[in-house]
Amino acid sequence: MRYVVLPSILSTVVIMLITRIGHLLSVGYEKVLLLYNTNTYVTADVVSTFAQRVGIAAANPDQGLAAAAEMMNNIIGMLLVIGANTIARKASNTSLY
């Protein structure tokens, strides 16, 4: 197993790891959104619920701030994927691009 199976699936494992790192920051915000209220904003707020609360549900919606928060979340995810791809390329000569 160590000499045949693991080396043959190593490239698949590396590619799957790189693609999963891109989803590291995404949470099931629907569950958080359903369970939090004004008393728990401080502890239960994540980026997605913050953007929804500020951009849509507020009395004075600030869609620019909500879009900026989501964009920063996506940029950090992209940087994580690029970093993981660079490390994978240097470690095992297998990369996504």
PDB file of N, CA and C in Angstrom:
ATOM      1  N   MET A   1       0.822  -1.184   0.000  1.00  0.00           N
ATOM      2  CA  MET A   1       0.000   0.000   0.000  1.00  0.00           C
ATOM      3  C   MET A   1       0.870   1.255   0.000  1.00  0.00           C
ATOM      4  N   ARG A   2       1.935   1.249   0.758  1.00  0.00           N
ATOM      5  CA  ARG A   2       2.784   2.438   0.868  1.00  0.00           C
ATOM      6  C   ARG A   2       3.518   2.718  -0.433  1.00  0.00           C
ATOM      7  N   TYR A   3       3.864   1.696  -1.168  1.00  0.00           N
ATOM      8  CA  TYR A   3       4.684   1.888  -2.364  1.00  0.00           C
ATOM      9  C   TYR A   3       3.883   1.950  -3.661  1.00  0.00           C
ATOM     10  N   VAL A   4       2.639   1.504  -3.650  1.00  0.00           N
ATOM     11  CA  VAL A   4       1.850   1.487  -4.873  1.00  0.00           C
ATOM     12  C   VAL A   4       0.634   2.418  -4.783  1.00  0.00           C
ATOM     13  N   VAL A   5      -0.197   2.240  -3.788  1.00  0.00           N
ATOM     14  CA  VAL A   5      -1.465   2.959  -3.719  1.00  0.00           C
ATOM     15  C   VAL A   5      -1.251   4.430  -3.366  1.00  0.00           C
ATOM     16  N   LEU A   6      -0.514   4.714  -2.323  1.00  0.00           N
ATOM     17  CA  LEU A   6      -0.338   6.101  -1.897  1.00  0.00           C
ATOM     18  C   LEU A   6       0.347   6.978  -2.947  1.00  0.00           C
ATOM     19  N   PRO A   7       1.424   6.540  -3.577  1.00  0.00           N
ATOM     20  CA  PRO A   7       2.001   7.387  -4.629  1.00  0.00           C
ATOM     21  C   PRO A   7       1.085   7.579  -5.837  1.00  0.00           C
ATOM     22  N   SER A   8       0.240   6.610  -6.107  1.00  0.00           N
ATOM     23  CA  SER A   8      -0.632   6.753  -7.274  1.00  0.00           C
ATOM     24  C   SER A   8      -1.801   7.706  -7.018  1.00  0.00           C
ATOM     25  N   ILE A   9      -2.236   7.842  -5.784  1.00  0.00           N
ATOM     26  CA  ILE A   9      -3.342   8.761  -5.511  1.00  0.00           C
ATOM     27  C   ILE A   9      -2.862  10.082  -4.925  1.00  0.00           C
ATOM     28  N   LEU A  10      -1.580  10.283  -4.808  1.00  0.00           N
ATOM     29  CA  LEU A  10      -1.046  11.509  -4.205  1.00  0.00           C
ATOM     30  C   LEU A  10      -1.452  12.749  -4.985  1.00  0.00           C
ATOM     31  N   SER A  11      -1.396  12.706  -6.299  1.00  0.00           N
ATOM     32  CA  SER A  11      -1.764  13.888  -7.082  1.00  0.00           C
ATOM     33  C   SER A  11      -3.246  14.227  -6.914  1.00  0.00           C
ATOM     34  N   THR A  12      -4.106  13.223  -6.831  1.00  0.00           N
ATOM     35  CA  THR A  12      -5.529  13.467  -6.613  1.00  0.00           C
ATOM     36  C   THR A  12      -5.782  14.070  -5.239  1.00  0.00           C
ATOM     37  N   VAL A  13      -5.089  13.571  -4.238  1.00  0.00           N
ATOM     38  CA  VAL A  13      -5.242  14.098  -2.882  1.00  0.00           C
ATOM     39  C   VAL A  13      -4.786  15.547  -2.817  1.00  0.00           C
ATOM     40  N   VAL A  14      -3.699  15.876  -3.484  1.00  0.00           N
ATOM     41  CA  VAL A  14      -3.198  17.251  -3.478  1.00  0.00           C
ATOM     42  C   VAL A  14      -4.180  18.191  -4.159  1.00  0.00           C
ATOM     43  N   ILE A  15      -4.710  17.803  -5.304  1.00  0.00           N
ATOM     44  CA  ILE A  15      -5.677  18.639  -6.016  1.00  0.00           C
ATOM     45  C   ILE A  15      -6.947  18.824  -5.181  1.00  0.00           C
ATOM     46  N   MET A  16      -7.437  17.767  -4.556  1.00  0.00           N
ATOM     47  CA  MET A  16      -8.628  17.874  -3.714  1.00  0.00           C
ATOM     48  C   MET A  16      -8.375  18.776  -2.509  1.00  0.00           C
ATOM     49  N   LEU A  17      -7.190  18.707  -1.928  1.00  0.00           N
ATOM     50  CA  LEU A  17      -6.840  19.566  -0.800  1.00  0.00           C
ATOM     51  C   LEU A  17      -6.817  21.032  -1.215  1.00  0.00           C
ATOM     52  N   ILE A  18      -6.251  21.322  -2.373  1.00  0.00           N
ATOM     53  CA  ILE A  18      -6.189  22.705  -2.848  1.00  0.00           C
ATOM     54  C   ILE A  18      -7.595  23.254  -3.078  1.00  0.00           C
ATOM     55  N   THR A  19      -8.464  22.462  -3.679  1.00  0.00           N
ATOM     56  CA  THR A  19      -9.820  22.958  -3.931  1.00  0.00           C
ATOM     57  C   THR A  19     -10.622  23.103  -2.648  1.00  0.00           C
ATOM     58  N   ARG A  20     -10.396  22.268  -1.647  1.00  0.00           N
ATOM     59  CA  ARG A  20     -11.106  22.386  -0.375  1.00  0.00           C
ATOM     60  C   ARG A  20     -10.622  23.580   0.435  1.00  0.00           C
ATOM     61  N   ILE A  21      -9.381  23.975   0.278  1.00  0.00           N
ATOM     62  CA  ILE A  21      -8.870  25.133   1.000  1.00  0.00           C
ATOM     63  C   ILE A  21      -9.615  26.390   0.556  1.00  0.00           C
ATOM     64  N   GLY A  22     -10.063  26.424  -0.669  1.00  0.00           N
ATOM     65  CA  GLY A  22     -10.845  27.560  -1.142  1.00  0.00           C
ATOM     66  C   GLY A  22     -12.169  27.717  -0.413  1.00  0.00           C
ATOM     67  N   HIS A  23     -12.699  26.635   0.130  1.00  0.00           N
ATOM     68  CA  HIS A  23     -13.968  26.674   0.852  1.00  0.00           C
ATOM     69  C   HIS A  23     -13.764  26.771   2.363  1.00  0.00           C
ATOM     70  N   LEU A  24     -12.569  27.055   2.783  1.00  0.00           N
ATOM     71  CA  LEU A  24     -12.256  27.090   4.213  1.00  0.00           C
ATOM     72  C   LEU A  24     -13.008  28.196   4.939  1.00  0.00           C
ATOM     73  N   LEU A  25     -13.201  29.328   4.309  1.00  0.00           N
ATOM     74  CA  LEU A  25     -13.845  30.457   4.960  1.00  0.00           C
ATOM     75  C   LEU A  25     -15.357  30.457   4.837  1.00  0.00           C
ATOM     76  N   SER A  26     -15.900  29.613   4.001  1.00  0.00           N
ATOM     77  CA  SER A  26     -17.349  29.599   3.855  1.00  0.00           C
ATOM     78  C   SER A  26     -17.961  28.744   4.970  1.00  0.00           C
ATOM     79  N   VAL A  27     -18.968  29.289   5.590  1.00  0.00           N
ATOM     80  CA  VAL A  27     -19.665  28.587   6.665  1.00  0.00           C
ATOM     81  C   VAL A  27     -21.126  28.469   6.270  1.00  0.00           C
ATOM     82  N   GLY A  28     -21.819  27.599   6.917  1.00  0.00           N
ATOM     83  CA  GLY A  28     -23.252  27.493   6.687  1.00  0.00           C
ATOM     84  C   GLY A  28     -23.949  28.653   7.382  1.00  0.00           C
ATOM     85  N   TYR A  29     -23.889  29.821   6.742  1.00  0.00           N
ATOM     86  CA  TYR A  29     -24.382  31.021   7.406  1.00  0.00           C
ATOM     87  C   TYR A  29     -25.884  31.006   7.606  1.00  0.00           C
ATOM     88  N   GLU A  30     -26.593  30.144   6.894  1.00  0.00           N
ATOM     89  CA  GLU A  30     -28.037  30.073   7.072  1.00  0.00           C
ATOM     90  C   GLU A  30     -28.381  29.633   8.485  1.00  0.00           C
ATOM     91  N   LYS A  31     -27.607  28.683   9.010  1.00  0.00           N
ATOM     92  CA  LYS A  31     -27.847  28.211  10.376  1.00  0.00           C
ATOM     93  C   LYS A  31     -27.583  29.327  11.379  1.00  0.00           C
ATOM     94  N   VAL A  32     -26.504  30.061  11.170  1.00  0.00           N
ATOM     95  CA  VAL A  32     -26.184  31.175  12.060  1.00  0.00           C
ATOM     96  C   VAL A  32     -27.268  32.240  11.962  1.00  0.00           C
ATOM     97  N   LEU A  33     -27.699  32.528  10.761  1.00  0.00           N
ATOM     98  CA  LEU A  33     -28.715  33.555  10.538  1.00  0.00           C
ATOM     99  C   LEU A  33     -30.031  33.199  11.219  1.00  0.00           C
ATOM    100  N   LEU A  34     -30.387  31.935  11.216  1.00  0.00           N
ATOM    101  CA  LEU A  34     -31.640  31.524  11.840  1.00  0.00           C
ATOM    102  C   LEU A  34     -31.577  31.538  13.363  1.00  0.00           C
ATOM    103  N   LEU A  35     -30.389  31.365  13.928  1.00  0.00           N
ATOM    104  CA  LEU A  35     -30.287  31.214  15.376  1.00  0.00           C
ATOM    105  C   LEU A  35     -29.816  32.449  16.118  1.00  0.00           C
ATOM    106  N   TYR A  36     -29.448  33.511  15.426  1.00  0.00           N
ATOM    107  CA  TYR A  36     -28.956  34.658  16.179  1.00  0.00           C
ATOM    108  C   TYR A  36     -29.964  35.786  16.198  1.00  0.00           C
ATOM    109  N   ASN A  37     -29.781  36.669  17.183  1.00  0.00           N
ATOM    110  CA  ASN A  37     -30.660  37.826  17.324  1.00  0.00           C
ATOM    111  C   ASN A  37     -29.795  39.014  17.742  1.00  0.00           C
ATOM    112  N   THR A  38     -30.414  40.127  18.069  1.00  0.00           N
ATOM    113  CA  THR A  38     -29.647  41.340  18.372  1.00  0.00           C
ATOM    114  C   THR A  38     -28.757  41.181  19.597  1.00  0.00           C
ATOM    115  N   ASN A  39     -29.110  40.291  20.515  1.00  0.00           N
ATOM    116  CA  ASN A  39     -28.284  40.086  21.702  1.00  0.00           C
ATOM    117  C   ASN A  39     -27.022  39.290  21.401  1.00  0.00           C
ATOM    118  N   THR A  40     -27.021  38.497  20.342  1.00  0.00           N
ATOM    119  CA  THR A  40     -25.880  37.630  20.044  1.00  0.00           C
ATOM    120  C   THR A  40     -25.074  38.080  18.825  1.00  0.00           C
ATOM    121  N   TYR A  41     -25.288  39.296  18.324  1.00  0.00           N
ATOM    122  CA  TYR A  41     -24.524  39.773  17.167  1.00  0.00           C
ATOM    123  C   TYR A  41     -23.027  39.761  17.440  1.00  0.00           C
ATOM    124  N   VAL A  42     -22.635  40.102  18.643  1.00  0.00           N
ATOM    125  CA  VAL A  42     -21.216  40.225  18.969  1.00  0.00           C
ATOM    126  C   VAL A  42     -20.506  38.877  18.862  1.00  0.00           C
ATOM    127  N   THR A  43     -21.136  37.813  19.303  1.00  0.00           N
ATOM    128  CA  THR A  43     -20.474  36.514  19.305  1.00  0.00           C
ATOM    129  C   THR A  43     -20.830  35.646  18.104  1.00  0.00           C
ATOM    130  N   ALA A  44     -21.985  35.827  17.511  1.00  0.00           N
ATOM    131  CA  ALA A  44     -22.443  34.915  16.460  1.00  0.00           C
ATOM    132  C   ALA A  44     -22.272  35.460  15.053  1.00  0.00           C
ATOM    133  N   ASP A  45     -21.828  36.684  14.903  1.00  0.00           N
ATOM    134  CA  ASP A  45     -21.744  37.277  13.572  1.00  0.00           C
ATOM    135  C   ASP A  45     -20.546  36.735  12.797  1.00  0.00           C
ATOM    136  N   VAL A  46     -20.788  36.251  11.593  1.00  0.00           N
ATOM    137  CA  VAL A  46     -19.725  35.860  10.666  1.00  0.00           C
ATOM    138  C   VAL A  46     -19.809  36.813   9.477  1.00  0.00           C
ATOM    139  N   VAL A  47     -18.865  36.725   8.565  1.00  0.00           N
ATOM    140  CA  VAL A  47     -18.800  37.687   7.461  1.00  0.00           C
ATOM    141  C   VAL A  47     -20.071  37.649   6.618  1.00  0.00           C
ATOM    142  N   SER A  48     -20.584  36.481   6.333  1.00  0.00           N
ATOM    143  CA  SER A  48     -21.772  36.368   5.490  1.00  0.00           C
ATOM    144  C   SER A  48     -23.007  36.956   6.165  1.00  0.00           C
ATOM    145  N   THR A  49     -23.182  36.689   7.455  1.00  0.00           N
ATOM    146  CA  THR A  49     -24.342  37.250   8.146  1.00  0.00           C
ATOM    147  C   THR A  49     -24.173  38.744   8.368  1.00  0.00           C
ATOM    148  N   PHE A  50     -22.927  39.197   8.558  1.00  0.00           N
ATOM    149  CA  PHE A  50     -22.683  40.629   8.674  1.00  0.00           C
ATOM    150  C   PHE A  50     -23.068  41.337   7.385  1.00  0.00           C
ATOM    151  N   ALA A  51     -22.658  40.769   6.257  1.00  0.00           N
ATOM    152  CA  ALA A  51     -22.984  41.378   4.968  1.00  0.00           C
ATOM    153  C   ALA A  51     -24.490  41.374   4.727  1.00  0.00           C
ATOM    154  N   GLN A  52     -25.153  40.310   5.105  1.00  0.00           N
ATOM    155  CA  GLN A  52     -26.608  40.258   4.931  1.00  0.00           C
ATOM    156  C   GLN A  52     -27.285  41.268   5.836  1.00  0.00           C
ATOM    157  N   ARG A  53     -26.832  41.362   7.086  1.00  0.00           N
ATOM    158  CA  ARG A  53     -27.463  42.268   8.044  1.00  0.00           C
ATOM    159  C   ARG A  53     -27.232  43.721   7.671  1.00  0.00           C
ATOM    160  N   VAL A  54     -26.016  44.063   7.267  1.00  0.00           N
ATOM    161  CA  VAL A  54     -25.685  45.454   6.938  1.00  0.00           C
ATOM    162  C   VAL A  54     -26.226  45.838   5.566  1.00  0.00           C
ATOM    163  N   GLY A  55     -26.160  44.926   4.600  1.00  0.00           N
ATOM    164  CA  GLY A  55     -26.529  45.270   3.235  1.00  0.00           C
ATOM    165  C   GLY A  55     -27.992  45.191   2.913  1.00  0.00           C
ATOM    166  N   ILE A  56     -28.735  44.357   3.613  1.00  0.00           N
ATOM    167  CA  ILE A  56     -30.142  44.162   3.260  1.00  0.00           C
ATOM    168  C   ILE A  56     -31.072  44.469   4.422  1.00  0.00           C
ATOM    169  N   ALA A  57     -30.800  43.890   5.578  1.00  0.00           N
ATOM    170  CA  ALA A  57     -31.769  43.901   6.666  1.00  0.00           C
ATOM    171  C   ALA A  57     -31.711  45.151   7.537  1.00  0.00           C
ATOM    172  N   ALA A  58     -30.743  46.013   7.360  1.00  0.00           N
ATOM    173  CA  ALA A  58     -30.625  47.191   8.221  1.00  0.00           C
ATOM    174  C   ALA A  58     -31.667  48.234   7.848  1.00  0.00           C
ATOM    175  N   ALA A  59     -31.954  49.119   8.800  1.00  0.00           N
ATOM    176  CA  ALA A  59     -32.877  50.211   8.520  1.00  0.00           C
ATOM    177  C   ALA A  59     -32.269  51.175   7.508  1.00  0.00           C
ATOM    178  N   ASN A  60     -30.969  51.336   7.575  1.00  0.00           N
ATOM    179  CA  ASN A  60     -30.206  52.154   6.634  1.00  0.00           C
ATOM    180  C   ASN A  60     -29.218  51.240   5.913  1.00  0.00           C
ATOM    181  N   PRO A  61     -29.603  50.541   4.867  1.00  0.00           N
ATOM    182  CA  PRO A  61     -28.702  49.559   4.260  1.00  0.00           C
ATOM    183  C   PRO A  61     -27.471  50.199   3.618  1.00  0.00           C
ATOM    184  N   ASP A  62     -26.333  49.604   3.877  1.00  0.00           N
ATOM    185  CA  ASP A  62     -25.067  50.052   3.296  1.00  0.00           C
ATOM    186  C   ASP A  62     -24.536  48.916   2.423  1.00  0.00           C
ATOM    187  N   GLN A  63     -24.967  48.893   1.176  1.00  0.00           N
ATOM    188  CA  GLN A  63     -24.614  47.792   0.294  1.00  0.00           C
ATOM    189  C   GLN A  63     -23.140  47.810  -0.087  1.00  0.00           C
ATOM    190  N   GLY A  64     -22.516  48.983  -0.057  1.00  0.00           N
ATOM    191  CA  GLY A  64     -21.090  49.062  -0.360  1.00  0.00           C
ATOM    192  C   GLY A  64     -20.254  48.363   0.696  1.00  0.00           C
ATOM    193  N   LEU A  65     -20.586  48.555   1.963  1.00  0.00           N
ATOM    194  CA  LEU A  65     -19.863  47.901   3.047  1.00  0.00           C
ATOM    195  C   LEU A  65     -20.078  46.396   3.008  1.00  0.00           C
ATOM    196  N   ALA A  66     -21.286  45.963   2.715  1.00  0.00           N
ATOM    197  CA  ALA A  66     -21.578  44.538   2.617  1.00  0.00           C
ATOM    198  C   ALA A  66     -20.807  43.899   1.463  1.00  0.00           C
ATOM    199  N   ALA A  67     -20.766  44.581   0.328  1.00  0.00           N
ATOM    200  CA  ALA A  67     -20.026  44.051  -0.821  1.00  0.00           C
ATOM    201  C   ALA A  67     -18.533  44.010  -0.535  1.00  0.00           C
ATOM    202  N   ALA A  68     -18.017  45.027   0.159  1.00  0.00           N
ATOM    203  CA  ALA A  68     -16.596  45.044   0.502  1.00  0.00           C
ATOM    204  C   ALA A  68     -16.248  43.913   1.465  1.00  0.00           C
ATOM    205  N   ALA A  69     -17.124  43.628   2.421  1.00  0.00           N
ATOM    206  CA  ALA A  69     -16.869  42.531   3.365  1.00  0.00           C
ATOM    207  C   ALA A  69     -16.833  41.189   2.642  1.00  0.00           C
ATOM    208  N   GLU A  70     -17.789  40.957   1.765  1.00  0.00           N
ATOM    209  CA  GLU A  70     -17.793  39.705   1.006  1.00  0.00           C
ATOM    210  C   GLU A  70     -16.610  39.611   0.048  1.00  0.00           C
ATOM    211  N   MET A  71     -16.227  40.734  -0.549  1.00  0.00           N
ATOM    212  CA  MET A  71     -15.084  40.725  -1.462  1.00  0.00           C
ATOM    213  C   MET A  71     -13.797  40.396  -0.713  1.00  0.00           C
ATOM    214  N   MET A  72     -13.628  40.942   0.482  1.00  0.00           N
ATOM    215  CA  MET A  72     -12.441  40.620   1.272  1.00  0.00           C
ATOM    216  C   MET A  72     -12.425  39.143   1.653  1.00  0.00           C
ATOM    217  N   ASN A  73     -13.585  38.591   1.962  1.00  0.00           N
ATOM    218  CA  ASN A  73     -13.681  37.165   2.260  1.00  0.00           C
ATOM    219  C   ASN A  73     -13.247  36.339   1.052  1.00  0.00           C
ATOM    220  N   ASN A  74     -13.678  36.727  -0.139  1.00  0.00           N
ATOM    221  CA  ASN A  74     -13.311  36.006  -1.358  1.00  0.00           C
ATOM    222  C   ASN A  74     -11.844  36.183  -1.711  1.00  0.00           C
ATOM    223  N   ILE A  75     -11.299  37.368  -1.481  1.00  0.00           N
ATOM    224  CA  ILE A  75      -9.880  37.599  -1.771  1.00  0.00           C
ATOM    225  C   ILE A  75      -8.998  36.774  -0.843  1.00  0.00           C
ATOM    226  N   ILE A  76      -9.359  36.692   0.416  1.00  0.00           N
ATOM    227  CA  ILE A  76      -8.583  35.874   1.351  1.00  0.00           C
ATOM    228  C   ILE A  76      -8.650  34.406   0.941  1.00  0.00           C
ATOM    229  N   GLY A  77      -9.821  33.934   0.516  1.00  0.00           N
ATOM    230  CA  GLY A  77      -9.941  32.558   0.025  1.00  0.00           C
ATOM    231  C   GLY A  77      -9.090  32.314  -1.203  1.00  0.00           C
ATOM    232  N   MET A  78      -9.046  33.299  -2.113  1.00  0.00           N
ATOM    233  CA  MET A  78      -8.223  33.162  -3.310  1.00  0.00           C
ATOM    234  C   MET A  78      -6.741  33.114  -2.951  1.00  0.00           C
ATOM    235  N   LEU A  79      -6.324  33.947  -2.007  1.00  0.00           N
ATOM    236  CA  LEU A  79      -4.922  33.937  -1.579  1.00  0.00           C
ATOM    237  C   LEU A  79      -4.559  32.618  -0.904  1.00  0.00           C
ATOM    238  N   LEU A  80      -5.490  32.040  -0.159  1.00  0.00           N
ATOM    239  CA  LEU A  80      -5.237  30.731   0.440  1.00  0.00           C
ATOM    240  C   LEU A  80      -5.058  29.653  -0.626  1.00  0.00           C
ATOM    241  N   VAL A  81      -5.872  29.701  -1.677  1.00  0.00           N
ATOM    242  CA  VAL A  81      -5.743  28.721  -2.760  1.00  0.00           C
ATOM    243  C   VAL A  81      -4.424  28.897  -3.498  1.00  0.00           C
ATOM    244  N   ILE A  82      -4.044  30.136  -3.771  1.00  0.00           N
ATOM    245  CA  ILE A  82      -2.772  30.392  -4.455  1.00  0.00           C
ATOM    246  C   ILE A  82      -1.602  29.929  -3.601  1.00  0.00           C
ATOM    247  N   GLY A  83      -1.665  30.208  -2.302  1.00  0.00           N
ATOM    248  CA  GLY A  83      -0.599  29.763  -1.402  1.00  0.00           C
ATOM    249  C   GLY A  83      -0.514  28.249  -1.311  1.00  0.00           C
ATOM    250  N   ALA A  84      -1.656  27.581  -1.210  1.00  0.00           N
ATOM    251  CA  ALA A  84      -1.663  26.125  -1.153  1.00  0.00           C
ATOM    252  C   ALA A  84      -1.167  25.519  -2.454  1.00  0.00           C
ATOM    253  N   ASN A  85      -1.502  26.142  -3.568  1.00  0.00           N
ATOM    254  CA  ASN A  85      -1.030  25.651  -4.861  1.00  0.00           C
ATOM    255  C   ASN A  85       0.486  25.803  -4.979  1.00  0.00           C
ATOM    256  N   THR A  86       1.013  26.918  -4.510  1.00  0.00           N
ATOM    257  CA  THR A  86       2.460  27.136  -4.557  1.00  0.00           C
ATOM    258  C   THR A  86       3.193  26.129  -3.681  1.00  0.00           C
ATOM    259  N   ILE A  87       2.680  25.890  -2.496  1.00  0.00           N
ATOM    260  CA  ILE A  87       3.306  24.920  -1.596  1.00  0.00           C
ATOM    261  C   ILE A  87       3.225  23.522  -2.189  1.00  0.00           C
ATOM    262  N   ALA A  88       2.096  23.163  -2.782  1.00  0.00           N
ATOM    263  CA  ALA A  88       1.945  21.841  -3.385  1.00  0.00           C
ATOM    264  C   ALA A  88       2.879  21.664  -4.573  1.00  0.00           C
ATOM    265  N   ARG A  89       3.058  22.725  -5.360  1.00  0.00           N
ATOM    266  CA  ARG A  89       3.954  22.636  -6.509  1.00  0.00           C
ATOM    267  C   ARG A  89       5.389  22.414  -6.067  1.00  0.00           C
ATOM    268  N   LYS A  90       5.795  23.085  -4.983  1.00  0.00           N
ATOM    269  CA  LYS A  90       7.166  22.934  -4.509  1.00  0.00           C
ATOM    270  C   LYS A  90       7.380  21.610  -3.785  1.00  0.00           C
ATOM    271  N   ALA A  91       6.349  21.113  -3.109  1.00  0.00           N
ATOM    272  CA  ALA A  91       6.506  19.897  -2.316  1.00  0.00           C
ATOM    273  C   ALA A  91       6.384  18.621  -3.161  1.00  0.00           C
ATOM    274  N   SER A  92       5.446  18.593  -4.118  1.00  0.00           N
ATOM    275  CA  SER A  92       5.206  17.333  -4.817  1.00  0.00           C
ATOM    276  C   SER A  92       5.151  17.448  -6.330  1.00  0.00           C
ATOM    277  N   ASN A  93       5.480  18.597  -6.877  1.00  0.00           N
ATOM    278  CA  ASN A  93       5.421  18.817  -8.325  1.00  0.00           C
ATOM    279  C   ASN A  93       4.027  18.571  -8.898  1.00  0.00           C
ATOM    280  N   THR A  94       3.013  18.714  -8.088  1.00  0.00           N
ATOM    281  CA  THR A  94       1.628  18.603  -8.520  1.00  0.00           C
ATOM    282  C   THR A  94       0.931  19.891  -8.123  1.00  0.00           C
ATOM    283  N   SER A  95       0.279  20.517  -9.095  1.00  0.00           N
ATOM    284  CA  SER A  95      -0.422  21.743  -8.768  1.00  0.00           C
ATOM    285  C   SER A  95      -1.690  21.854  -9.595  1.00  0.00           C
ATOM    286  N   LEU A  96      -2.535  22.780  -9.182  1.00  0.00           N
ATOM    287  CA  LEU A  96      -3.807  22.972  -9.855  1.00  0.00           C
ATOM    288  C   LEU A  96      -3.622  23.687 -11.188  1.00  0.00           C
ATOM    289  N   TYR A  97      -2.701  24.629 -11.249  1.00  0.00           N
ATOM    290  CA  TYR A  97      -2.411  25.369 -12.473  1.00  0.00           C
ATOM    291  C   TYR A  97      -0.941  25.655 -12.563  1.00  0.00           C
TER     292      TYR A  97
END
